[in-house]
Full PDB file with SEQRES, HELIX, SHEET, SSBOND, CRYST1, ORIGX, SCALE, CONECT and MASTER records, all heavy atoms in Angstrom:
SEQRES   1 A   44  TYR SER ILE THR ASN ARG GLY ASP GLY THR ALA SER TYR          
SEQRES   2 A   44  LEU VAL GLY LEU GLU TYR LEU ASP GLY ASP GLY ASP LEU          
SEQRES   3 A   44  LEU GLY SER THR GLY VAL MET ALA ASP LYS LEU GLY PRO          
SEQRES   4 A   44  GLY LYS THR SER LYS                                          
SHEET    1 AA1 2 ILE A   3  THR A   4  0                                        
SHEET    2 AA1 2 THR A  42  SER A  43 -1                                        
SHEET    1 AA2 2 ALA A  11  LEU A  20  0                                        
SHEET    2 AA2 2 LEU A  26  LEU A  37 -1                                        
CRYST1    1.000    1.000    1.000  90.00  90.00  90.00 P 1           1          
ORIGX1      1.000000  0.000000  0.000000        0.00000                         
ORIGX2      0.000000  1.000000  0.000000        0.00000                         
ORIGX3      0.000000  0.000000  1.000000        0.00000                         
SCALE1      1.000000  0.000000  0.000000        0.00000                         
SCALE2      0.000000  1.000000  0.000000        0.00000                         
SCALE3      0.000000  0.000000  1.000000        0.00000                         
ATOM      1  N   TYR A   1       0.833  -1.198   0.001  1.00  0.00           N  
ATOM      2  CA  TYR A   1       0.002   0.001  -0.001  1.00  0.00           C  
ATOM      3  C   TYR A   1       0.866   1.245   0.003  1.00  0.00           C  
ATOM      4  O   TYR A   1       2.045   1.214   0.341  1.00  0.00           O  
ATOM      5  CB  TYR A   1      -0.963   0.028   1.195  1.00  0.00           C  
ATOM      6  CG  TYR A   1      -0.247   0.140   2.523  1.00  0.00           C  
ATOM      7  CD1 TYR A   1       0.061   1.388   3.061  1.00  0.00           C  
ATOM      8  CD2 TYR A   1       0.121  -0.982   3.239  1.00  0.00           C  
ATOM      9  CE1 TYR A   1       0.728   1.497   4.278  1.00  0.00           C  
ATOM     10  CE2 TYR A   1       0.788  -0.895   4.438  1.00  0.00           C  
ATOM     11  CZ  TYR A   1       1.084   0.362   4.959  1.00  0.00           C  
ATOM     12  OH  TYR A   1       1.750   0.465   6.153  1.00  0.00           O  
ATOM     13  N   SER A   2       0.243   2.336  -0.386  1.00  0.00           N  
ATOM     14  CA  SER A   2       0.891   3.635  -0.419  1.00  0.00           C  
ATOM     15  C   SER A   2      -0.131   4.680   0.012  1.00  0.00           C  
ATOM     16  O   SER A   2      -1.249   4.705  -0.505  1.00  0.00           O  
ATOM     17  CB  SER A   2       1.381   3.915  -1.840  1.00  0.00           C  
ATOM     18  OG  SER A   2       1.964   5.187  -1.918  1.00  0.00           O  
ATOM     19  N   ILE A   3       0.245   5.508   0.974  1.00  0.00           N  
ATOM     20  CA  ILE A   3      -0.610   6.604   1.435  1.00  0.00           C  
ATOM     21  C   ILE A   3       0.147   7.892   1.185  1.00  0.00           C  
ATOM     22  O   ILE A   3       1.234   8.089   1.733  1.00  0.00           O  
ATOM     23  CB  ILE A   3      -0.938   6.467   2.925  1.00  0.00           C  
ATOM     24  CG1 ILE A   3      -1.596   5.119   3.223  1.00  0.00           C  
ATOM     25  CG2 ILE A   3      -1.821   7.634   3.384  1.00  0.00           C  
ATOM     26  CD1 ILE A   3      -1.713   4.789   4.705  1.00  0.00           C  
ATOM     27  N   THR A   4      -0.381   8.755   0.339  1.00  0.00           N  
ATOM     28  CA  THR A   4       0.260  10.025  -0.015  1.00  0.00           C  
ATOM     29  C   THR A   4      -0.623  11.174   0.457  1.00  0.00           C  
ATOM     30  O   THR A   4      -1.799  11.233   0.069  1.00  0.00           O  
ATOM     31  CB  THR A   4       0.496  10.136  -1.529  1.00  0.00           C  
ATOM     32  OG1 THR A   4       1.322   9.050  -1.944  1.00  0.00           O  
ATOM     33  CG2 THR A   4       1.177  11.457  -1.883  1.00  0.00           C  
ATOM     34  N   ASN A   5      -0.083  12.053   1.259  1.00  0.00           N  
ATOM     35  CA  ASN A   5      -0.834  13.220   1.731  1.00  0.00           C  
ATOM     36  C   ASN A   5      -0.838  14.262   0.622  1.00  0.00           C  
ATOM     37  O   ASN A   5       0.142  14.964   0.407  1.00  0.00           O  
ATOM     38  CB  ASN A   5      -0.222  13.782   3.004  1.00  0.00           C  
ATOM     39  CG  ASN A   5      -1.007  14.956   3.545  1.00  0.00           C  
ATOM     40  OD1 ASN A   5      -1.937  15.451   2.920  1.00  0.00           O  
ATOM     41  ND2 ASN A   5      -0.628  15.404   4.729  1.00  0.00           N  
ATOM     42  N   ARG A   6      -1.960  14.362  -0.068  1.00  0.00           N  
ATOM     43  CA  ARG A   6      -2.102  15.345  -1.148  1.00  0.00           C  
ATOM     44  C   ARG A   6      -2.764  16.628  -0.659  1.00  0.00           C  
ATOM     45  O   ARG A   6      -3.108  17.490  -1.456  1.00  0.00           O  
ATOM     46  CB  ARG A   6      -2.870  14.727  -2.304  1.00  0.00           C  
ATOM     47  CG  ARG A   6      -2.075  13.620  -2.997  1.00  0.00           C  
ATOM     48  CD  ARG A   6      -2.806  13.055  -4.209  1.00  0.00           C  
ATOM     49  NE  ARG A   6      -1.978  12.128  -4.934  1.00  0.00           N  
ATOM     50  CZ  ARG A   6      -1.923  10.816  -4.742  1.00  0.00           C  
ATOM     51  NH1 ARG A   6      -2.669  10.265  -3.804  1.00  0.00           N  
ATOM     52  NH2 ARG A   6      -1.144  10.060  -5.469  1.00  0.00           N  
ATOM     53  N   GLY A   7      -2.947  16.734   0.646  1.00  0.00           N  
ATOM     54  CA  GLY A   7      -3.540  17.937   1.236  1.00  0.00           C  
ATOM     55  C   GLY A   7      -2.503  19.006   1.511  1.00  0.00           C  
ATOM     56  O   GLY A   7      -1.310  18.837   1.232  1.00  0.00           O  
ATOM     57  N   ASP A   8      -2.971  20.107   2.076  1.00  0.00           N  
ATOM     58  CA  ASP A   8      -2.096  21.254   2.343  1.00  0.00           C  
ATOM     59  C   ASP A   8      -1.378  21.168   3.687  1.00  0.00           C  
ATOM     60  O   ASP A   8      -0.349  21.803   3.870  1.00  0.00           O  
ATOM     61  CB  ASP A   8      -2.912  22.551   2.298  1.00  0.00           C  
ATOM     62  CG  ASP A   8      -3.434  22.857   0.914  1.00  0.00           C  
ATOM     63  OD1 ASP A   8      -2.789  22.437  -0.075  1.00  0.00           O  
ATOM     64  OD2 ASP A   8      -4.485  23.511   0.822  1.00  0.00           O  
ATOM     65  N   GLY A   9      -1.902  20.420   4.644  1.00  0.00           N  
ATOM     66  CA  GLY A   9      -1.296  20.339   5.964  1.00  0.00           C  
ATOM     67  C   GLY A   9      -1.014  18.909   6.369  1.00  0.00           C  
ATOM     68  O   GLY A   9      -1.443  17.951   5.721  1.00  0.00           O  
ATOM     69  N   THR A  10      -0.288  18.752   7.469  1.00  0.00           N  
ATOM     70  CA  THR A  10       0.019  17.450   8.023  1.00  0.00           C  
ATOM     71  C   THR A  10      -1.274  16.742   8.428  1.00  0.00           C  
ATOM     72  O   THR A  10      -2.198  17.370   8.933  1.00  0.00           O  
ATOM     73  CB  THR A  10       0.951  17.607   9.244  1.00  0.00           C  
ATOM     74  OG1 THR A  10       2.158  18.230   8.804  1.00  0.00           O  
ATOM     75  CG2 THR A  10       1.280  16.277   9.892  1.00  0.00           C  
ATOM     76  N   ALA A  11      -1.330  15.426   8.195  1.00  0.00           N  
ATOM     77  CA  ALA A  11      -2.527  14.651   8.531  1.00  0.00           C  
ATOM     78  C   ALA A  11      -2.137  13.225   8.892  1.00  0.00           C  
ATOM     79  O   ALA A  11      -1.087  12.731   8.474  1.00  0.00           O  
ATOM     80  CB  ALA A  11      -3.501  14.638   7.354  1.00  0.00           C  
ATOM     81  N   SER A  12      -2.994  12.581   9.666  1.00  0.00           N  
ATOM     82  CA  SER A  12      -2.858  11.162   9.976  1.00  0.00           C  
ATOM     83  C   SER A  12      -3.966  10.413   9.254  1.00  0.00           C  
ATOM     84  O   SER A  12      -5.063  10.941   9.060  1.00  0.00           O  
ATOM     85  CB  SER A  12      -2.960  10.930  11.486  1.00  0.00           C  
ATOM     86  OG  SER A  12      -1.833  11.475  12.128  1.00  0.00           O  
ATOM     87  N   TYR A  13      -3.667   9.178   8.845  1.00  0.00           N  
ATOM     88  CA  TYR A  13      -4.596   8.371   8.071  1.00  0.00           C  
ATOM     89  C   TYR A  13      -4.840   7.032   8.757  1.00  0.00           C  
ATOM     90  O   TYR A  13      -3.908   6.428   9.280  1.00  0.00           O  
ATOM     91  CB  TYR A  13      -4.030   8.073   6.682  1.00  0.00           C  
ATOM     92  CG  TYR A  13      -3.939   9.268   5.787  1.00  0.00           C  
ATOM     93  CD1 TYR A  13      -2.881  10.163   5.877  1.00  0.00           C  
ATOM     94  CD2 TYR A  13      -4.915   9.510   4.834  1.00  0.00           C  
ATOM     95  CE1 TYR A  13      -2.800  11.275   5.046  1.00  0.00           C  
ATOM     96  CE2 TYR A  13      -4.845  10.603   3.988  1.00  0.00           C  
ATOM     97  CZ  TYR A  13      -3.791  11.486   4.103  1.00  0.00           C  
ATOM     98  OH  TYR A  13      -3.721  12.572   3.272  1.00  0.00           O  
ATOM     99  N   LEU A  14      -6.093   6.581   8.721  1.00  0.00           N  
ATOM    100  CA  LEU A  14      -6.472   5.234   9.119  1.00  0.00           C  
ATOM    101  C   LEU A  14      -7.220   4.647   7.929  1.00  0.00           C  
ATOM    102  O   LEU A  14      -8.239   5.190   7.490  1.00  0.00           O  
ATOM    103  CB  LEU A  14      -7.373   5.244  10.354  1.00  0.00           C  
ATOM    104  CG  LEU A  14      -7.918   3.894  10.802  1.00  0.00           C  
ATOM    105  CD1 LEU A  14      -6.776   2.949  11.188  1.00  0.00           C  
ATOM    106  CD2 LEU A  14      -8.877   4.075  11.955  1.00  0.00           C  
ATOM    107  N   VAL A  15      -6.697   3.547   7.378  1.00  0.00           N  
ATOM    108  CA  VAL A  15      -7.246   2.952   6.160  1.00  0.00           C  
ATOM    109  C   VAL A  15      -7.743   1.546   6.483  1.00  0.00           C  
ATOM    110  O   VAL A  15      -6.975   0.710   6.948  1.00  0.00           O  
ATOM    111  CB  VAL A  15      -6.166   2.892   5.047  1.00  0.00           C  
ATOM    112  CG1 VAL A  15      -6.727   2.248   3.789  1.00  0.00           C  
ATOM    113  CG2 VAL A  15      -5.619   4.281   4.770  1.00  0.00           C  
ATOM    114  N   GLY A  16      -9.017   1.292   6.227  1.00  0.00           N  
ATOM    115  CA  GLY A  16      -9.602  -0.033   6.422  1.00  0.00           C  
ATOM    116  C   GLY A  16      -9.469  -0.857   5.158  1.00  0.00           C  
ATOM    117  O   GLY A  16      -9.704  -0.364   4.055  1.00  0.00           O  
ATOM    118  N   LEU A  17      -9.079  -2.107   5.310  1.00  0.00           N  
ATOM    119  CA  LEU A  17      -8.944  -3.042   4.185  1.00  0.00           C  
ATOM    120  C   LEU A  17      -9.854  -4.236   4.416  1.00  0.00           C  
ATOM    121  O   LEU A  17      -9.971  -4.727   5.534  1.00  0.00           O  
ATOM    122  CB  LEU A  17      -7.504  -3.531   4.064  1.00  0.00           C  
ATOM    123  CG  LEU A  17      -6.427  -2.464   3.876  1.00  0.00           C  
ATOM    124  CD1 LEU A  17      -5.038  -3.100   3.904  1.00  0.00           C  
ATOM    125  CD2 LEU A  17      -6.654  -1.710   2.585  1.00  0.00           C  
ATOM    126  N   GLU A  18     -10.510  -4.695   3.352  1.00  0.00           N  
ATOM    127  CA  GLU A  18     -11.359  -5.871   3.427  1.00  0.00           C  
ATOM    128  C   GLU A  18     -10.816  -6.948   2.495  1.00  0.00           C  
ATOM    129  O   GLU A  18     -10.460  -6.658   1.348  1.00  0.00           O  
ATOM    130  CB  GLU A  18     -12.793  -5.526   3.006  1.00  0.00           C  
ATOM    131  CG  GLU A  18     -13.491  -4.610   3.984  1.00  0.00           C  
ATOM    132  CD  GLU A  18     -14.897  -4.270   3.589  1.00  0.00           C  
ATOM    133  OE1 GLU A  18     -15.228  -4.277   2.375  1.00  0.00           O  
ATOM    134  OE2 GLU A  18     -15.689  -3.979   4.505  1.00  0.00           O  
ATOM    135  N   TYR A  19     -10.779  -8.191   2.997  1.00  0.00           N  
ATOM    136  CA  TYR A  19     -10.309  -9.339   2.223  1.00  0.00           C  
ATOM    137  C   TYR A  19     -11.514 -10.134   1.751  1.00  0.00           C  
ATOM    138  O   TYR A  19     -12.420 -10.420   2.527  1.00  0.00           O  
ATOM    139  CB  TYR A  19      -9.367 -10.191   3.073  1.00  0.00           C  
ATOM    140  CG  TYR A  19      -8.113  -9.420   3.418  1.00  0.00           C  
ATOM    141  CD1 TYR A  19      -8.010  -8.732   4.621  1.00  0.00           C  
ATOM    142  CD2 TYR A  19      -7.075  -9.337   2.506  1.00  0.00           C  
ATOM    143  CE1 TYR A  19      -6.873  -7.979   4.910  1.00  0.00           C  
ATOM    144  CE2 TYR A  19      -5.943  -8.595   2.798  1.00  0.00           C  
ATOM    145  CZ  TYR A  19      -5.858  -7.920   3.996  1.00  0.00           C  
ATOM    146  OH  TYR A  19      -4.736  -7.180   4.275  1.00  0.00           O  
ATOM    147  N   LEU A  20     -11.519 -10.502   0.450  1.00  0.00           N  
ATOM    148  CA  LEU A  20     -12.658 -11.145  -0.182  1.00  0.00           C  
ATOM    149  C   LEU A  20     -12.291 -12.503  -0.751  1.00  0.00           C  
ATOM    150  O   LEU A  20     -11.134 -12.722  -1.158  1.00  0.00           O  
ATOM    151  CB  LEU A  20     -13.172 -10.261  -1.318  1.00  0.00           C  
ATOM    152  CG  LEU A  20     -13.430  -8.786  -0.949  1.00  0.00           C  
ATOM    153  CD1 LEU A  20     -13.738  -7.984  -2.195  1.00  0.00           C  
ATOM    154  CD2 LEU A  20     -14.534  -8.672   0.072  1.00  0.00           C  
ATOM    155  N   ASP A  21     -13.272 -13.396  -0.814  1.00  0.00           N  
ATOM    156  CA  ASP A  21     -13.044 -14.700  -1.442  1.00  0.00           C  
ATOM    157  C   ASP A  21     -13.334 -14.603  -2.938  1.00  0.00           C  
ATOM    158  O   ASP A  21     -13.610 -13.518  -3.459  1.00  0.00           O  
ATOM    159  CB  ASP A  21     -13.870 -15.804  -0.765  1.00  0.00           C  
ATOM    160  CG  ASP A  21     -15.371 -15.662  -0.941  1.00  0.00           C  
ATOM    161  OD1 ASP A  21     -15.833 -14.855  -1.803  1.00  0.00           O  
ATOM    162  OD2 ASP A  21     -16.110 -16.358  -0.218  1.00  0.00           O  
ATOM    163  N   GLY A  22     -13.305 -15.719  -3.632  1.00  0.00           N  
ATOM    164  CA  GLY A  22     -13.503 -15.738  -5.079  1.00  0.00           C  
ATOM    165  C   GLY A  22     -14.883 -15.292  -5.523  1.00  0.00           C  
ATOM    166  O   GLY A  22     -15.065 -14.856  -6.660  1.00  0.00           O  
ATOM    167  N   ASP A  23     -15.883 -15.359  -4.633  1.00  0.00           N  
ATOM    168  CA  ASP A  23     -17.238 -14.906  -4.946  1.00  0.00           C  
ATOM    169  C   ASP A  23     -17.452 -13.446  -4.574  1.00  0.00           C  
ATOM    170  O   ASP A  23     -18.561 -12.922  -4.737  1.00  0.00           O  
ATOM    171  CB  ASP A  23     -18.270 -15.757  -4.194  1.00  0.00           C  
ATOM    172  CG  ASP A  23     -18.281 -17.209  -4.650  1.00  0.00           C  
ATOM    173  OD1 ASP A  23     -18.030 -17.447  -5.850  1.00  0.00           O  
ATOM    174  OD2 ASP A  23     -18.530 -18.085  -3.803  1.00  0.00           O  
ATOM    175  N   GLY A  24     -16.420 -12.805  -4.022  1.00  0.00           N  
ATOM    176  CA  GLY A  24     -16.554 -11.421  -3.587  1.00  0.00           C  
ATOM    177  C   GLY A  24     -17.135 -11.268  -2.192  1.00  0.00           C  
ATOM    178  O   GLY A  24     -17.470 -10.162  -1.763  1.00  0.00           O  
ATOM    179  N   ASP A  25     -17.281 -12.387  -1.463  1.00  0.00           N  
ATOM    180  CA  ASP A  25     -17.801 -12.341  -0.097  1.00  0.00           C  
ATOM    181  C   ASP A  25     -16.712 -11.926   0.876  1.00  0.00           C  
ATOM    182  O   ASP A  25     -15.551 -12.327   0.742  1.00  0.00           O  
ATOM    183  CB  ASP A  25     -18.372 -13.697   0.304  1.00  0.00           C  
ATOM    184  CG  ASP A  25     -19.580 -14.090  -0.528  1.00  0.00           C  
ATOM    185  OD1 ASP A  25     -20.341 -13.189  -0.933  1.00  0.00           O  
ATOM    186  OD2 ASP A  25     -19.760 -15.299  -0.773  1.00  0.00           O  
ATOM    187  N   LEU A  26     -17.084 -11.170   1.885  1.00  0.00           N  
ATOM    188  CA  LEU A  26     -16.149 -10.676   2.893  1.00  0.00           C  
ATOM    189  C   LEU A  26     -15.654 -11.799   3.793  1.00  0.00           C  
ATOM    190  O   LEU A  26     -16.460 -12.528   4.386  1.00  0.00           O  
ATOM    191  CB  LEU A  26     -16.815  -9.589   3.736  1.00  0.00           C  
ATOM    192  CG  LEU A  26     -15.961  -8.964   4.837  1.00  0.00           C  
ATOM    193  CD1 LEU A  26     -14.809  -8.175   4.233  1.00  0.00           C  
ATOM    194  CD2 LEU A  26     -16.817  -8.070   5.721  1.00  0.00           C  
ATOM    195  N   LEU A  27     -14.343 -11.959   3.870  1.00  0.00           N  
ATOM    196  CA  LEU A  27     -13.729 -12.943   4.763  1.00  0.00           C  
ATOM    197  C   LEU A  27     -13.300 -12.314   6.083  1.00  0.00           C  
ATOM    198  O   LEU A  27     -13.382 -12.928   7.129  1.00  0.00           O  
ATOM    199  CB  LEU A  27     -12.507 -13.584   4.096  1.00  0.00           C  
ATOM    200  CG  LEU A  27     -12.797 -14.426   2.862  1.00  0.00           C  
ATOM    201  CD1 LEU A  27     -11.501 -14.792   2.149  1.00  0.00           C  
ATOM    202  CD2 LEU A  27     -13.557 -15.674   3.270  1.00  0.00           C  
ATOM    203  N   GLY A  28     -12.819 -11.074   6.019  1.00  0.00           N  
ATOM    204  CA  GLY A  28     -12.338 -10.383   7.206  1.00  0.00           C  
ATOM    205  C   GLY A  28     -11.739  -9.045   6.831  1.00  0.00           C  
ATOM    206  O   GLY A  28     -11.757  -8.644   5.663  1.00  0.00           O  
ATOM    207  N   SER A  29     -11.192  -8.359   7.833  1.00  0.00           N  
ATOM    208  CA  SER A  29     -10.664  -7.019   7.588  1.00  0.00           C  
ATOM    209  C   SER A  29      -9.528  -6.686   8.524  1.00  0.00           C  
ATOM    210  O   SER A  29      -9.333  -7.325   9.557  1.00  0.00           O  
ATOM    211  CB  SER A  29     -11.792  -5.996   7.754  1.00  0.00           C  
ATOM    212  OG  SER A  29     -12.329  -6.089   9.059  1.00  0.00           O  
ATOM    213  N   THR A  30      -8.792  -5.673   8.130  1.00  0.00           N  
ATOM    214  CA  THR A  30      -7.710  -5.140   8.943  1.00  0.00           C  
ATOM    215  C   THR A  30      -7.545  -3.676   8.559  1.00  0.00           C  
ATOM    216  O   THR A  30      -8.373  -3.129   7.831  1.00  0.00           O  
ATOM    217  CB  THR A  30      -6.398  -5.935   8.742  1.00  0.00           C  
ATOM    218  OG1 THR A  30      -5.464  -5.562   9.763  1.00  0.00           O  
ATOM    219  CG2 THR A  30      -5.781  -5.705   7.381  1.00  0.00           C  
ATOM    220  N   GLY A  31      -6.509  -3.048   9.025  1.00  0.00           N  
ATOM    221  CA  GLY A  31      -6.270  -1.650   8.668  1.00  0.00           C  
ATOM    222  C   GLY A  31      -4.811  -1.288   8.779  1.00  0.00           C  
ATOM    223  O   GLY A  31      -4.012  -2.016   9.375  1.00  0.00           O  
ATOM    224  N   VAL A  32      -4.467  -0.185   8.154  1.00  0.00           N  
ATOM    225  CA  VAL A  32      -3.121   0.364   8.230  1.00  0.00           C  
ATOM    226  C   VAL A  32      -3.235   1.841   8.564  1.00  0.00           C  
ATOM    227  O   VAL A  32      -4.287   2.453   8.352  1.00  0.00           O  
ATOM    228  CB  VAL A  32      -2.319   0.170   6.914  1.00  0.00           C  
ATOM    229  CG1 VAL A  32      -2.091  -1.308   6.645  1.00  0.00           C  
ATOM    230  CG2 VAL A  32      -3.011   0.821   5.741  1.00  0.00           C  
ATOM    231  N   MET A  33      -2.177   2.406   9.066  1.00  0.00           N  
ATOM    232  CA  MET A  33      -2.219   3.822   9.385  1.00  0.00           C  
ATOM    233  C   MET A  33      -0.907   4.507   9.051  1.00  0.00           C  
ATOM    234  O   MET A  33       0.134   3.860   8.930  1.00  0.00           O  
ATOM    235  CB  MET A  33      -2.587   4.039  10.853  1.00  0.00           C  
ATOM    236  CG  MET A  33      -1.550   3.582  11.842  1.00  0.00           C  
ATOM    237  SD  MET A  33      -2.038   3.909  13.550  1.00  0.00           S  
ATOM    238  CE  MET A  33      -2.197   5.660  13.569  1.00  0.00           C  
ATOM    239  N   ALA A  34      -1.006   5.809   8.882  1.00  0.00           N  
ATOM    240  CA  ALA A  34       0.167   6.668   8.706  1.00  0.00           C  
ATOM    241  C   ALA A  34      -0.035   7.845   9.635  1.00  0.00           C  
ATOM    242  O   ALA A  34      -1.037   8.555   9.543  1.00  0.00           O  
ATOM    243  CB  ALA A  34       0.303   7.131   7.263  1.00  0.00           C  
ATOM    244  N   ASP A  35       0.892   8.048  10.569  1.00  0.00           N  
ATOM    245  CA  ASP A  35       0.788   9.140  11.542  1.00  0.00           C  
ATOM    246  C   ASP A  35       1.556  10.361  11.082  1.00  0.00           C  
ATOM    247  O   ASP A  35       2.694  10.257  10.612  1.00  0.00           O  
ATOM    248  CB  ASP A  35       1.386   8.705  12.889  1.00  0.00           C  
ATOM    249  CG  ASP A  35       0.425   7.881  13.716  1.00  0.00           C  
ATOM    250  OD1 ASP A  35      -0.793   8.106  13.601  1.00  0.00           O  
ATOM    251  OD2 ASP A  35       0.903   7.009  14.458  1.00  0.00           O  
ATOM    252  N   LYS A  36       0.914  11.514  11.218  1.00  0.00           N  
ATOM    253  CA  LYS A  36       1.537  12.819  10.999  1.00  0.00           C  
ATOM    254  C   LYS A  36       2.328  12.876   9.702  1.00  0.00           C  
ATOM    255  O   LYS A  36       3.512  13.199   9.684  1.00  0.00           O  
ATOM    256  CB  LYS A  36       2.393  13.191  12.201  1.00  0.00           C  
ATOM    257  CG  LYS A  36       1.557  13.293  13.461  1.00  0.00           C  
ATOM    258  CD  LYS A  36       2.374  13.643  14.676  1.00  0.00           C  
ATOM    259  CE  LYS A  36       1.443  13.687  15.884  1.00  0.00           C  
ATOM    260  NZ  LYS A  36       2.144  13.804  17.123  1.00  0.00           N  
ATOM    261  N   LEU A  37       1.654  12.577   8.613  1.00  0.00           N  
ATOM    262  CA  LEU A  37       2.254  12.579   7.286  1.00  0.00           C  
ATOM    263  C   LEU A  37       2.202  14.000   6.740  1.00  0.00           C  
ATOM    264  O   LEU A  37       1.139  14.587   6.629  1.00  0.00           O  
ATOM    265  CB  LEU A  37       1.471  11.616   6.394  1.00  0.00           C  
ATOM    266  CG  LEU A  37       2.105  11.120   5.103  1.00  0.00           C  
ATOM    267  CD1 LEU A  37       3.420  10.408   5.369  1.00  0.00           C  
ATOM    268  CD2 LEU A  37       1.137  10.191   4.392  1.00  0.00           C  
ATOM    269  N   GLY A  38       3.362  14.564   6.428  1.00  0.00           N  
ATOM    270  CA  GLY A  38       3.436  15.931   5.929  1.00  0.00           C  
ATOM    271  C   GLY A  38       2.891  16.058   4.517  1.00  0.00           C  
ATOM    272  O   GLY A  38       2.777  15.078   3.785  1.00  0.00           O  
ATOM    273  N   PRO A  39       2.547  17.285   4.116  1.00  0.00           N  
ATOM    274  CA  PRO A  39       2.035  17.517   2.760  1.00  0.00           C  
ATOM    275  C   PRO A  39       3.028  17.010   1.707  1.00  0.00           C  
ATOM    276  O   PRO A  39       4.231  17.258   1.799  1.00  0.00           O  
ATOM    277  CB  PRO A  39       1.893  19.031   2.672  1.00  0.00           C  
ATOM    278  CG  PRO A  39       1.898  19.519   4.069  1.00  0.00           C  
ATOM    279  CD  PRO A  39       2.684  18.522   4.870  1.00  0.00           C  
ATOM    280  N   GLY A  40       2.525  16.263   0.728  1.00  0.00           N  
ATOM    281  CA  GLY A  40       3.363  15.742  -0.336  1.00  0.00           C  
ATOM    282  C   GLY A  40       4.180  14.526   0.043  1.00  0.00           C  
ATOM    283  O   GLY A  40       4.874  13.953  -0.793  1.00  0.00           O  
ATOM    284  N   LYS A  41       4.107  14.073   1.269  1.00  0.00           N  
ATOM    285  CA  LYS A  41       4.880  12.903   1.731  1.00  0.00           C  
ATOM    286  C   LYS A  41       4.079  11.629   1.521  1.00  0.00           C  
ATOM    287  O   LYS A  41       2.851  11.623   1.526  1.00  0.00           O  
ATOM    288  CB  LYS A  41       5.232  13.033   3.214  1.00  0.00           C  
ATOM    289  CG  LYS A  41       6.042  14.250   3.556  1.00  0.00           C  
ATOM    290  CD  LYS A  41       7.429  14.150   3.000  1.00  0.00           C  
ATOM    291  CE  LYS A  41       8.238  15.380   3.419  1.00  0.00           C  
ATOM    292  NZ  LYS A  41       9.596  15.326   3.001  1.00  0.00           N  
ATOM    293  N   THR A  42       4.818  10.516   1.353  1.00  0.00           N  
ATOM    294  CA  THR A  42       4.207   9.213   1.113  1.00  0.00           C  
ATOM    295  C   THR A  42       4.724   8.205   2.124  1.00  0.00           C  
ATOM    296  O   THR A  42       5.922   8.148   2.389  1.00  0.00           O  
ATOM    297  CB  THR A  42       4.524   8.723  -0.311  1.00  0.00           C  
ATOM    298  OG1 THR A  42       3.962   9.643  -1.236  1.00  0.00           O  
ATOM    299  CG2 THR A  42       3.956   7.340  -0.574  1.00  0.00           C  
ATOM    300  N   SER A  43       3.821   7.423   2.661  1.00  0.00           N  
ATOM    301  CA  SER A  43       4.161   6.287   3.513  1.00  0.00           C  
ATOM    302  C   SER A  43       3.833   5.035   2.719  1.00  0.00           C  
ATOM    303  O   SER A  43       2.692   4.840   2.287  1.00  0.00           O  
ATOM    304  CB  SER A  43       3.345   6.331   4.805  1.00  0.00           C  
ATOM    305  OG  SER A  43       3.615   5.185   5.599  1.00  0.00           O  
ATOM    306  N   LYS A  44       4.845   4.191   2.503  1.00  0.00           N  
ATOM    307  CA  LYS A  44       4.662   2.944   1.756  1.00  0.00           C  
ATOM    308  C   LYS A  44       4.959   1.773   2.665  1.00  0.00           C  
ATOM    309  O   LYS A  44       5.799   1.867   3.542  1.00  0.00           O  
ATOM    310  CB  LYS A  44       5.613   2.888   0.560  1.00  0.00           C  
ATOM    311  CG  LYS A  44       5.348   3.919  -0.498  1.00  0.00           C  
ATOM    312  CD  LYS A  44       6.332   3.770  -1.640  1.00  0.00           C  
ATOM    313  CE  LYS A  44       6.081   4.817  -2.698  1.00  0.00           C  
ATOM    314  NZ  LYS A  44       6.984   4.609  -3.855  1.00  0.00           N  
TER     315      LYS A  44                                                      
MASTER        0    0    0    0    4    0    0    6  314    1    0    4          
END                                                                             
């Protein structure tokens, strides 16, 4: 994953991810975060 702050100020991100089976049914979920990401910065 890649989280890029395209805003004007520093921001933190919480991103929810869902994992699916072959039929598109939800199996489960998790999340990733980026703390205090400056403008134009990317967390990979």
